[in-house]
Amino acid sequence: MVVPEPGLPDRVTIYEVGPRDGLQNEATTVPTEVKAEFVRRLLAAGLPIVEATSFVHPKWVPQLADAADLMTGLVADLGDTARELPVLVPNERGLDRALALGMRHVAVFASATETFAQKNLNRTLTSQFEMFQPTMVRARDAGLTVRGYVSMCFGDPWEGAVDVDQVVGVGTHLLTLGADQLSLGDTIGVATPGHVRALVEAFGDAGVGPERLALHFHDTYGQALTNVHAGLQAGVTTYDASAGGLGGCPYAHSATGNLATEDLLWFLTGLGIEHGVDLDAVAATSVWMAGQLGRPSPSAVVRALA
């Protein structure tokens, strides 16, 4: 039954991260053609944004070592549709590879904490921006949009709770460098609704409205949808999700899967919030991918529908 709740947005955008954030954390390498089919199925299900891969050095994320081959094949198959798929570029070398393929949307990945910046980026909290700046400037000069991921926004496995003002400082710095949108990540899944609202409000106080924010939740403590609800109440209308709940974070071992796209779709549909995505098609895709991976999907909605 659809029962709208007053005060919530009429429509949201789902930013699908399964092919990148989901598959990068798999223990085994998924064949390139399977990844391509995964992307094609997600697009066919109506997902408006599908992040396809990451042009990161294979040493760091071997599961995505085939990024160039994947995107070359998708461009040959889908043409400009494939060039609209966002890709992660950790540095200028990654950007060079994306530009060579004509990609139009890229993302960089920053940390809100000192320890994670050192472990994930081999940089300090401050010096990480020295790596992003030339990449972002070149991307913008080339006419690309740039998304800024901010990880560990709510908690860090080494540092504990993360100060809201510190997260706002990192996020606003990325916007100053040219980011079009910030994705605020609950990398280890410890966020709670009050914390979500406080962070969105703090960005608002810094002059960054909810229209420039996306929220990226993990379901470690089963709070992802509760936190989505808090985000909706705060006016955020873009949510990252991963088909079937795939993924986590290869550098934060306490992080379980991302918020499942199907769980988010069921939740939004029940509230009467438009999203334009075919839930059954996404669920069928996740069942198919689970078969490719040899294990069941962790999504509650996928299990229920299957």
C-alpha atoms as a PDB file:
ATOM      1  CA  MET A   1       0.000   0.000   0.000  1.00  0.00           C
ATOM      2  CA  VAL A   2       1.231   3.460  -0.895  1.00  0.00           C
ATOM      3  CA  VAL A   3       0.840   5.909   1.976  1.00  0.00           C
ATOM      4  CA  PRO A   4       2.642   9.208   1.370  1.00  0.00           C
ATOM      5  CA  GLU A   5       4.156  11.080   4.278  1.00  0.00           C
ATOM      6  CA  PRO A   6       3.720  14.857   4.316  1.00  0.00           C
ATOM      7  CA  GLY A   7       6.837  16.945   4.033  1.00  0.00           C
ATOM      8  CA  LEU A   8       8.978  14.494   2.056  1.00  0.00           C
ATOM      9  CA  PRO A   9      10.298  15.085  -1.473  1.00  0.00           C
ATOM     10  CA  ASP A  10       8.071  14.025  -4.361  1.00  0.00           C
ATOM     11  CA  ARG A  11      10.912  12.392  -6.277  1.00  0.00           C
ATOM     12  CA  VAL A  12      14.433  11.126  -5.655  1.00  0.00           C
ATOM     13  CA  THR A  13      17.379  10.093  -7.809  1.00  0.00           C
ATOM     14  CA  ILE A  14      19.016   6.753  -7.173  1.00  0.00           C
ATOM     15  CA  TYR A  15      22.729   6.695  -7.906  1.00  0.00           C
ATOM     16  CA  GLU A  16      23.545   3.034  -8.571  1.00  0.00           C
ATOM     17  CA  VAL A  17      27.035   2.061  -7.392  1.00  0.00           C
ATOM     18  CA  GLY A  18      26.861  -1.730  -7.661  1.00  0.00           C
ATOM     19  CA  PRO A  19      29.170  -2.227 -10.647  1.00  0.00           C
ATOM     20  CA  ARG A  20      31.895  -0.129  -9.027  1.00  0.00           C
ATOM     21  CA  ASP A  21      31.511   0.018  -5.259  1.00  0.00           C
ATOM     22  CA  GLY A  22      29.766  -3.331  -5.159  1.00  0.00           C
ATOM     23  CA  LEU A  23      32.124  -5.429  -7.251  1.00  0.00           C
ATOM     24  CA  GLN A  24      35.363  -3.827  -6.043  1.00  0.00           C
ATOM     25  CA  ASN A  25      34.970  -5.631  -2.730  1.00  0.00           C
ATOM     26  CA  GLU A  26      34.428  -9.115  -4.147  1.00  0.00           C
ATOM     27  CA  ALA A  27      36.980 -11.743  -3.194  1.00  0.00           C
ATOM     28  CA  THR A  28      37.096 -13.075  -6.731  1.00  0.00           C
ATOM     29  CA  THR A  29      37.369 -11.229 -10.023  1.00  0.00           C
ATOM     30  CA  VAL A  30      34.152 -10.983 -12.025  1.00  0.00           C
ATOM     31  CA  PRO A  31      34.605 -11.471 -15.797  1.00  0.00           C
ATOM     32  CA  THR A  32      34.443  -8.301 -17.855  1.00  0.00           C
ATOM     33  CA  GLU A  33      31.468  -9.462 -19.902  1.00  0.00           C
ATOM     34  CA  VAL A  34      29.512 -10.234 -16.723  1.00  0.00           C
ATOM     35  CA  LYS A  35      30.217  -6.710 -15.490  1.00  0.00           C
ATOM     36  CA  ALA A  36      29.072  -5.289 -18.831  1.00  0.00           C
ATOM     37  CA  GLU A  37      25.864  -7.291 -18.711  1.00  0.00           C
ATOM     38  CA  PHE A  38      25.309  -6.117 -15.132  1.00  0.00           C
ATOM     39  CA  VAL A  39      25.540  -2.494 -16.270  1.00  0.00           C
ATOM     40  CA  ARG A  40      23.255  -3.079 -19.247  1.00  0.00           C
ATOM     41  CA  ARG A  41      20.606  -4.753 -17.093  1.00  0.00           C
ATOM     42  CA  LEU A  42      20.682  -1.964 -14.519  1.00  0.00           C
ATOM     43  CA  LEU A  43      20.245   0.659 -17.209  1.00  0.00           C
ATOM     44  CA  ALA A  44      17.381  -1.322 -18.737  1.00  0.00           C
ATOM     45  CA  ALA A  45      15.679  -1.379 -15.324  1.00  0.00           C
ATOM     46  CA  GLY A  46      15.443   2.409 -15.444  1.00  0.00           C
ATOM     47  CA  LEU A  47      18.242   3.406 -13.089  1.00  0.00           C
ATOM     48  CA  PRO A  48      19.138   6.953 -14.171  1.00  0.00           C
ATOM     49  CA  ILE A  49      22.770   6.833 -13.022  1.00  0.00           C
ATOM     50  CA  VAL A  50      24.971   3.735 -12.979  1.00  0.00           C
ATOM     51  CA  GLU A  51      28.557   4.153 -11.816  1.00  0.00           C
ATOM     52  CA  ALA A  52      30.408   1.675 -13.993  1.00  0.00           C
ATOM     53  CA  THR A  53      33.945   1.252 -12.675  1.00  0.00           C
ATOM     54  CA  SER A  54      37.066   2.894 -11.286  1.00  0.00           C
ATOM     55  CA  PHE A  55      40.246   3.808 -13.151  1.00  0.00           C
ATOM     56  CA  VAL A  56      42.353   2.946 -10.123  1.00  0.00           C
ATOM     57  CA  HIS A  57      45.711   1.198 -10.250  1.00  0.00           C
ATOM     58  CA  PRO A  58      45.159  -2.596 -10.420  1.00  0.00           C
ATOM     59  CA  LYS A  59      47.522  -3.043  -7.477  1.00  0.00           C
ATOM     60  CA  TRP A  60      45.020  -1.356  -5.187  1.00  0.00           C
ATOM     61  CA  VAL A  61      41.757  -2.711  -6.583  1.00  0.00           C
ATOM     62  CA  PRO A  62      42.530  -5.745  -8.759  1.00  0.00           C
ATOM     63  CA  GLN A  63      38.820  -6.512  -9.133  1.00  0.00           C
ATOM     64  CA  LEU A  64      38.514  -3.444 -11.393  1.00  0.00           C
ATOM     65  CA  ALA A  65      41.724  -3.902 -13.361  1.00  0.00           C
ATOM     66  CA  ASP A  66      39.665  -4.317 -16.531  1.00  0.00           C
ATOM     67  CA  ALA A  67      38.156  -0.805 -16.334  1.00  0.00           C
ATOM     68  CA  ALA A  68      39.428   0.290 -19.758  1.00  0.00           C
ATOM     69  CA  ASP A  69      38.321  -2.945 -21.432  1.00  0.00           C
ATOM     70  CA  LEU A  70      34.909  -2.732 -19.772  1.00  0.00           C
ATOM     71  CA  MET A  71      34.293   0.847 -20.845  1.00  0.00           C
ATOM     72  CA  THR A  72      35.669   0.287 -24.350  1.00  0.00           C
ATOM     73  CA  GLY A  73      33.190  -2.554 -24.798  1.00  0.00           C
ATOM     74  CA  LEU A  74      30.298  -0.576 -23.358  1.00  0.00           C
ATOM     75  CA  VAL A  75      31.048   2.418 -25.576  1.00  0.00           C
ATOM     76  CA  ALA A  76      31.153   0.126 -28.611  1.00  0.00           C
ATOM     77  CA  ASP A  77      27.821  -1.374 -27.556  1.00  0.00           C
ATOM     78  CA  LEU A  78      25.933   1.612 -26.129  1.00  0.00           C
ATOM     79  CA  GLY A  79      27.646   4.619 -27.692  1.00  0.00           C
ATOM     80  CA  ASP A  80      27.044   7.919 -25.912  1.00  0.00           C
ATOM     81  CA  THR A  81      24.938   6.199 -23.270  1.00  0.00           C
ATOM     82  CA  ALA A  82      28.103   4.524 -22.012  1.00  0.00           C
ATOM     83  CA  ARG A  83      30.012   7.807 -21.993  1.00  0.00           C
ATOM     84  CA  GLU A  84      27.395   9.185 -19.596  1.00  0.00           C
ATOM     85  CA  LEU A  85      28.196   6.497 -17.025  1.00  0.00           C
ATOM     86  CA  PRO A  86      30.197   7.940 -14.104  1.00  0.00           C
ATOM     87  CA  VAL A  87      33.614   6.468 -13.310  1.00  0.00           C
ATOM     88  CA  LEU A  88      35.891   6.961 -10.328  1.00  0.00           C
ATOM     89  CA  VAL A  89      39.277   8.567 -11.045  1.00  0.00           C
ATOM     90  CA  PRO A  90      41.636   8.621  -8.048  1.00  0.00           C
ATOM     91  CA  ASN A  91      44.241  10.841  -9.713  1.00  0.00           C
ATOM     92  CA  GLU A  92      45.374  12.402 -12.988  1.00  0.00           C
ATOM     93  CA  ARG A  93      46.432   9.058 -14.457  1.00  0.00           C
ATOM     94  CA  GLY A  94      42.929   7.751 -13.906  1.00  0.00           C
ATOM     95  CA  LEU A  95      41.504  10.906 -15.456  1.00  0.00           C
ATOM     96  CA  ASP A  96      43.733  10.458 -18.521  1.00  0.00           C
ATOM     97  CA  ARG A  97      42.218   7.020 -19.060  1.00  0.00           C
ATOM     98  CA  ALA A  98      38.689   8.340 -18.666  1.00  0.00           C
ATOM     99  CA  LEU A  99      39.295  11.234 -21.043  1.00  0.00           C
ATOM    100  CA  ALA A 100      40.772   8.898 -23.654  1.00  0.00           C
ATOM    101  CA  LEU A 101      37.443   7.042 -23.720  1.00  0.00           C
ATOM    102  CA  GLY A 102      35.350  10.208 -23.845  1.00  0.00           C
ATOM    103  CA  MET A 103      33.788   9.791 -20.411  1.00  0.00           C
ATOM    104  CA  ARG A 104      31.714  12.763 -19.264  1.00  0.00           C
ATOM    105  CA  HIS A 105      31.273  12.228 -15.523  1.00  0.00           C
ATOM    106  CA  VAL A 106      33.982  11.385 -13.003  1.00  0.00           C
ATOM    107  CA  ALA A 107      34.281  11.128  -9.248  1.00  0.00           C
ATOM    108  CA  VAL A 108      37.079  11.517  -6.707  1.00  0.00           C
ATOM    109  CA  PHE A 109      37.222   9.790  -3.349  1.00  0.00           C
ATOM    110  CA  ALA A 110      38.211  11.782  -0.257  1.00  0.00           C
ATOM    111  CA  SER A 111      38.369  11.001   3.440  1.00  0.00           C
ATOM    112  CA  ALA A 112      36.828  12.916   6.315  1.00  0.00           C
ATOM    113  CA  THR A 113      39.389  11.512   8.761  1.00  0.00           C
ATOM    114  CA  GLU A 114      43.151  11.606   9.127  1.00  0.00           C
ATOM    115  CA  THR A 115      43.653   7.876   9.651  1.00  0.00           C
ATOM    116  CA  PHE A 116      41.554   6.758   6.704  1.00  0.00           C
ATOM    117  CA  ALA A 117      43.240   9.323   4.454  1.00  0.00           C
ATOM    118  CA  GLN A 118      46.583   7.791   5.369  1.00  0.00           C
ATOM    119  CA  LYS A 119      45.441   4.191   4.991  1.00  0.00           C
ATOM    120  CA  ASN A 120      43.375   4.625   1.824  1.00  0.00           C
ATOM    121  CA  LEU A 121      45.125   7.477   0.020  1.00  0.00           C
ATOM    122  CA  ASN A 122      48.591   7.505   1.593  1.00  0.00           C
ATOM    123  CA  ARG A 123      47.974  11.189   2.302  1.00  0.00           C
ATOM    124  CA  THR A 124      47.148  13.333   5.296  1.00  0.00           C
ATOM    125  CA  LEU A 125      43.706  14.835   5.752  1.00  0.00           C
ATOM    126  CA  THR A 126      45.049  18.119   4.398  1.00  0.00           C
ATOM    127  CA  SER A 127      47.438  16.917   1.699  1.00  0.00           C
ATOM    128  CA  GLN A 128      44.798  14.725   0.035  1.00  0.00           C
ATOM    129  CA  PHE A 129      43.513  17.858  -1.690  1.00  0.00           C
ATOM    130  CA  GLU A 130      46.863  18.332  -3.419  1.00  0.00           C
ATOM    131  CA  MET A 131      46.128  15.085  -5.266  1.00  0.00           C
ATOM    132  CA  PHE A 132      42.534  15.981  -6.121  1.00  0.00           C
ATOM    133  CA  GLN A 133      43.066  19.568  -7.261  1.00  0.00           C
ATOM    134  CA  PRO A 134      44.824  19.000 -10.606  1.00  0.00           C
ATOM    135  CA  THR A 135      42.503  16.112 -11.409  1.00  0.00           C
ATOM    136  CA  MET A 136      39.389  18.146 -10.685  1.00  0.00           C
ATOM    137  CA  VAL A 137      40.616  21.269 -12.447  1.00  0.00           C
ATOM    138  CA  ARG A 138      41.510  19.328 -15.585  1.00  0.00           C
ATOM    139  CA  ALA A 139      38.204  17.470 -15.515  1.00  0.00           C
ATOM    140  CA  ARG A 140      36.216  20.690 -15.235  1.00  0.00           C
ATOM    141  CA  ASP A 141      38.306  22.367 -17.953  1.00  0.00           C
ATOM    142  CA  ALA A 142      37.463  19.416 -20.208  1.00  0.00           C
ATOM    143  CA  GLY A 143      33.747  19.936 -19.554  1.00  0.00           C
ATOM    144  CA  LEU A 144      33.244  16.943 -17.250  1.00  0.00           C
ATOM    145  CA  THR A 145      31.123  16.935 -14.118  1.00  0.00           C
ATOM    146  CA  VAL A 146      32.893  15.912 -10.918  1.00  0.00           C
ATOM    147  CA  ARG A 147      31.389  14.142  -7.953  1.00  0.00           C
ATOM    148  CA  GLY A 148      33.173  14.235  -4.615  1.00  0.00           C
ATOM    149  CA  TYR A 149      32.855  11.205  -2.381  1.00  0.00           C
ATOM    150  CA  VAL A 150      33.570  11.875   1.289  1.00  0.00           C
ATOM    151  CA  SER A 151      34.132   8.697   3.271  1.00  0.00           C
ATOM    152  CA  MET A 152      33.928   8.140   7.047  1.00  0.00           C
ATOM    153  CA  CYS A 153      31.447  10.977   7.509  1.00  0.00           C
ATOM    154  CA  PHE A 154      29.772   9.492  10.566  1.00  0.00           C
ATOM    155  CA  GLY A 155      32.354   7.226  12.147  1.00  0.00           C
ATOM    156  CA  ASP A 156      35.831   5.826  11.608  1.00  0.00           C
ATOM    157  CA  PRO A 157      36.938   2.350  12.810  1.00  0.00           C
ATOM    158  CA  TRP A 158      40.214   3.790  14.112  1.00  0.00           C
ATOM    159  CA  GLU A 159      39.152   7.240  15.321  1.00  0.00           C
ATOM    160  CA  GLY A 160      35.572   6.639  16.428  1.00  0.00           C
ATOM    161  CA  ALA A 161      32.936   9.348  16.017  1.00  0.00           C
ATOM    162  CA  VAL A 162      33.763  12.024  13.449  1.00  0.00           C
ATOM    163  CA  ASP A 163      33.177  15.690  14.207  1.00  0.00           C
ATOM    164  CA  VAL A 164      30.473  17.206  12.004  1.00  0.00           C
ATOM    165  CA  ASP A 165      32.478  20.363  11.378  1.00  0.00           C
ATOM    166  CA  GLN A 166      35.423  18.298  10.134  1.00  0.00           C
ATOM    167  CA  VAL A 167      33.207  16.592   7.564  1.00  0.00           C
ATOM    168  CA  VAL A 168      31.803  19.938   6.447  1.00  0.00           C
ATOM    169  CA  GLY A 169      35.340  21.280   6.090  1.00  0.00           C
ATOM    170  CA  VAL A 170      36.375  18.430   3.780  1.00  0.00           C
ATOM    171  CA  GLY A 171      33.169  18.643   1.769  1.00  0.00           C
ATOM    172  CA  THR A 172      33.248  22.392   1.249  1.00  0.00           C
ATOM    173  CA  HIS A 173      36.903  22.154   0.203  1.00  0.00           C
ATOM    174  CA  LEU A 174      35.930  19.684  -2.528  1.00  0.00           C
ATOM    175  CA  LEU A 175      33.187  22.028  -3.682  1.00  0.00           C
ATOM    176  CA  THR A 176      35.685  24.872  -3.804  1.00  0.00           C
ATOM    177  CA  LEU A 177      37.905  22.725  -6.036  1.00  0.00           C
ATOM    178  CA  GLY A 178      35.012  22.213  -8.448  1.00  0.00           C
ATOM    179  CA  ALA A 179      32.888  19.297  -7.266  1.00  0.00           C
ATOM    180  CA  ASP A 180      29.312  19.468  -8.539  1.00  0.00           C
ATOM    181  CA  GLN A 181      27.920  17.143  -5.879  1.00  0.00           C
ATOM    182  CA  LEU A 182      29.068  15.621  -2.602  1.00  0.00           C
ATOM    183  CA  SER A 183      28.254  12.042  -1.636  1.00  0.00           C
ATOM    184  CA  LEU A 184      28.471  11.750   2.146  1.00  0.00           C
ATOM    185  CA  GLY A 185      29.405   8.198   3.055  1.00  0.00           C
ATOM    186  CA  ASP A 186      28.542   6.267   6.190  1.00  0.00           C
ATOM    187  CA  THR A 187      31.416   3.933   5.359  1.00  0.00           C
ATOM    188  CA  ILE A 188      31.100   1.657   8.390  1.00  0.00           C
ATOM    189  CA  GLY A 189      27.347   1.964   8.825  1.00  0.00           C
ATOM    190  CA  VAL A 190      27.229   3.675  12.224  1.00  0.00           C
ATOM    191  CA  ALA A 191      25.031   6.660  11.354  1.00  0.00           C
ATOM    192  CA  THR A 192      21.791   7.347  13.202  1.00  0.00           C
ATOM    193  CA  PRO A 193      18.943   9.677  12.135  1.00  0.00           C
ATOM    194  CA  GLY A 194      19.815  12.581  14.401  1.00  0.00           C
ATOM    195  CA  HIS A 195      23.398  12.506  13.193  1.00  0.00           C
ATOM    196  CA  VAL A 196      22.222  12.505   9.572  1.00  0.00           C
ATOM    197  CA  ARG A 197      20.006  15.529  10.102  1.00  0.00           C
ATOM    198  CA  ALA A 198      22.751  17.338  12.033  1.00  0.00           C
ATOM    199  CA  LEU A 199      25.256  16.816   9.220  1.00  0.00           C
ATOM    200  CA  VAL A 200      22.868  18.002   6.490  1.00  0.00           C
ATOM    201  CA  GLU A 201      21.941  21.025   8.609  1.00  0.00           C
ATOM    202  CA  ALA A 202      25.626  21.820   9.206  1.00  0.00           C
ATOM    203  CA  PHE A 203      26.243  21.845   5.466  1.00  0.00           C
ATOM    204  CA  GLY A 204      23.250  24.139   5.103  1.00  0.00           C
ATOM    205  CA  ASP A 205      24.735  26.498   7.679  1.00  0.00           C
ATOM    206  CA  ALA A 206      27.915  26.501   5.550  1.00  0.00           C
ATOM    207  CA  GLY A 207      25.908  27.533   2.479  1.00  0.00           C
ATOM    208  CA  VAL A 208      25.608  24.062   0.918  1.00  0.00           C
ATOM    209  CA  GLY A 209      21.978  23.103   0.357  1.00  0.00           C
ATOM    210  CA  PRO A 210      20.628  19.543   0.258  1.00  0.00           C
ATOM    211  CA  GLU A 211      20.327  19.737  -3.536  1.00  0.00           C
ATOM    212  CA  ARG A 212      24.137  19.476  -3.724  1.00  0.00           C
ATOM    213  CA  LEU A 213      24.319  16.483  -1.400  1.00  0.00           C
ATOM    214  CA  ALA A 214      23.866  12.752  -1.806  1.00  0.00           C
ATOM    215  CA  LEU A 215      23.803  10.223   1.014  1.00  0.00           C
ATOM    216  CA  HIS A 216      25.592   6.872   0.894  1.00  0.00           C
ATOM    217  CA  PHE A 217      24.599   4.461   3.656  1.00  0.00           C
ATOM    218  CA  HIS A 218      25.809   1.040   4.684  1.00  0.00           C
ATOM    219  CA  ASP A 219      23.558  -1.343   6.567  1.00  0.00           C
ATOM    220  CA  THR A 220      26.049  -2.653   9.134  1.00  0.00           C
ATOM    221  CA  TYR A 221      23.661  -2.032  12.043  1.00  0.00           C
ATOM    222  CA  GLY A 222      20.450  -2.274  10.036  1.00  0.00           C
ATOM    223  CA  GLN A 223      19.925   1.493  10.061  1.00  0.00           C
ATOM    224  CA  ALA A 224      20.331   2.402   6.384  1.00  0.00           C
ATOM    225  CA  LEU A 225      16.644   2.941   5.566  1.00  0.00           C
ATOM    226  CA  THR A 226      16.043   4.737   8.856  1.00  0.00           C
ATOM    227  CA  ASN A 227      18.847   7.075   7.879  1.00  0.00           C
ATOM    228  CA  VAL A 228      17.396   7.529   4.381  1.00  0.00           C
ATOM    229  CA  HIS A 229      14.168   8.650   6.049  1.00  0.00           C
ATOM    230  CA  ALA A 230      16.101  11.223   8.067  1.00  0.00           C
ATOM    231  CA  GLY A 231      17.792  12.398   4.883  1.00  0.00           C
ATOM    232  CA  LEU A 232      14.457  12.773   3.132  1.00  0.00           C
ATOM    233  CA  GLN A 233      13.155  14.830   6.037  1.00  0.00           C
ATOM    234  CA  ALA A 234      16.223  17.045   5.667  1.00  0.00           C
ATOM    235  CA  GLY A 235      15.521  17.548   1.957  1.00  0.00           C
ATOM    236  CA  VAL A 236      18.196  15.346   0.360  1.00  0.00           C
ATOM    237  CA  THR A 237      16.939  13.801  -2.892  1.00  0.00           C
ATOM    238  CA  THR A 238      19.917  11.741  -4.154  1.00  0.00           C
ATOM    239  CA  TYR A 239      20.782   8.374  -2.592  1.00  0.00           C
ATOM    240  CA  ASP A 240      23.531   5.946  -3.451  1.00  0.00           C
ATOM    241  CA  ALA A 241      22.568   2.287  -3.489  1.00  0.00           C
ATOM    242  CA  SER A 242      23.955  -1.009  -4.742  1.00  0.00           C
ATOM    243  CA  ALA A 243      21.876  -3.646  -6.509  1.00  0.00           C
ATOM    244  CA  GLY A 244      21.432  -6.627  -4.250  1.00  0.00           C
ATOM    245  CA  GLY A 245      23.325  -4.916  -1.432  1.00  0.00           C
ATOM    246  CA  LEU A 246      26.701  -5.739  -2.974  1.00  0.00           C
ATOM    247  CA  GLY A 247      29.843  -4.178  -1.651  1.00  0.00           C
ATOM    248  CA  GLY A 248      31.437  -2.641   1.349  1.00  0.00           C
ATOM    249  CA  CYS A 249      34.818  -1.001   1.630  1.00  0.00           C
ATOM    250  CA  PRO A 250      38.069  -2.867   0.961  1.00  0.00           C
ATOM    251  CA  TYR A 251      39.915  -0.571   3.375  1.00  0.00           C
ATOM    252  CA  ALA A 252      37.384  -0.720   6.227  1.00  0.00           C
ATOM    253  CA  HIS A 253      36.870  -4.332   7.167  1.00  0.00           C
ATOM    254  CA  SER A 254      34.029  -3.677   9.600  1.00  0.00           C
ATOM    255  CA  ALA A 255      31.862  -2.317   6.775  1.00  0.00           C
ATOM    256  CA  THR A 256      29.168  -4.631   5.470  1.00  0.00           C
ATOM    257  CA  GLY A 257      27.225  -4.148   2.285  1.00  0.00           C
ATOM    258  CA  ASN A 258      25.855  -0.990   0.827  1.00  0.00           C
ATOM    259  CA  LEU A 259      22.194  -0.147   1.101  1.00  0.00           C
ATOM    260  CA  ALA A 260      20.478  -2.488  -1.363  1.00  0.00           C
ATOM    261  CA  THR A 261      18.835  -0.723  -4.288  1.00  0.00           C
ATOM    262  CA  GLU A 262      15.801  -2.995  -4.007  1.00  0.00           C
ATOM    263  CA  ASP A 263      15.313  -2.202  -0.325  1.00  0.00           C
ATOM    264  CA  LEU A 264      15.480   1.504  -1.116  1.00  0.00           C
ATOM    265  CA  LEU A 265      13.008   1.141  -4.003  1.00  0.00           C
ATOM    266  CA  TRP A 266      10.484  -0.716  -1.845  1.00  0.00           C
ATOM    267  CA  PHE A 267      10.805   1.936   0.852  1.00  0.00           C
ATOM    268  CA  LEU A 268      10.367   4.850  -1.558  1.00  0.00           C
ATOM    269  CA  THR A 269       7.471   3.229  -3.387  1.00  0.00           C
ATOM    270  CA  GLY A 270       5.610   2.728  -0.122  1.00  0.00           C
ATOM    271  CA  LEU A 271       5.974   6.429   0.608  1.00  0.00           C
ATOM    272  CA  GLY A 272       4.688   7.368  -2.836  1.00  0.00           C
ATOM    273  CA  ILE A 273       8.028   8.927  -3.803  1.00  0.00           C
ATOM    274  CA  GLU A 274       8.744   8.735  -7.525  1.00  0.00           C
ATOM    275  CA  HIS A 275      12.019   7.138  -8.662  1.00  0.00           C
ATOM    276  CA  GLY A 276      11.372   5.794 -12.162  1.00  0.00           C
ATOM    277  CA  VAL A 277      12.974   2.402 -11.576  1.00  0.00           C
ATOM    278  CA  ASP A 278      11.501  -1.059 -12.177  1.00  0.00           C
ATOM    279  CA  LEU A 279      11.911  -2.888  -8.863  1.00  0.00           C
ATOM    280  CA  ASP A 280      11.220  -6.329 -10.307  1.00  0.00           C
ATOM    281  CA  ALA A 281      13.829  -5.825 -13.025  1.00  0.00           C
ATOM    282  CA  VAL A 282      16.483  -4.739 -10.530  1.00  0.00           C
ATOM    283  CA  ALA A 283      15.666  -7.666  -8.249  1.00  0.00           C
ATOM    284  CA  ALA A 284      15.900 -10.106 -11.163  1.00  0.00           C
ATOM    285  CA  THR A 285      19.270  -8.598 -12.053  1.00  0.00           C
ATOM    286  CA  SER A 286      20.481  -9.075  -8.492  1.00  0.00           C
ATOM    287  CA  VAL A 287      19.335 -12.700  -8.484  1.00  0.00           C
ATOM    288  CA  TRP A 288      21.251 -13.197 -11.738  1.00  0.00           C
ATOM    289  CA  MET A 289      24.378 -11.537 -10.318  1.00  0.00           C
ATOM    290  CA  ALA A 290      24.130 -13.586  -7.137  1.00  0.00           C
ATOM    291  CA  GLY A 291      24.239 -16.653  -9.346  1.00  0.00           C
ATOM    292  CA  GLN A 292      27.376 -15.324 -11.033  1.00  0.00           C
ATOM    293  CA  LEU A 293      28.974 -14.780  -7.628  1.00  0.00           C
ATOM    294  CA  GLY A 294      27.845 -18.106  -6.235  1.00  0.00           C
ATOM    295  CA  ARG A 295      26.076 -16.765  -3.164  1.00  0.00           C
ATOM    296  CA  PRO A 296      22.634 -15.329  -2.315  1.00  0.00           C
ATOM    297  CA  SER A 297      21.919 -11.618  -2.315  1.00  0.00           C
ATOM    298  CA  PRO A 298      21.962  -9.974   1.135  1.00  0.00           C
ATOM    299  CA  SER A 299      19.002  -7.765   0.173  1.00  0.00           C
ATOM    300  CA  ALA A 300      15.872  -8.505   2.209  1.00  0.00           C
ATOM    301  CA  VAL A 301      13.621  -7.382  -0.636  1.00  0.00           C
ATOM    302  CA  VAL A 302      15.444  -9.543  -3.185  1.00  0.00           C
ATOM    303  CA  ARG A 303      14.975 -12.554  -0.902  1.00  0.00           C
ATOM    304  CA  ALA A 304      11.304 -11.753  -0.403  1.00  0.00           C
ATOM    305  CA  LEU A 305      10.560 -11.281  -4.102  1.00  0.00           C
ATOM    306  CA  ALA A 306      12.600 -14.282  -5.166  1.00  0.00           C
END
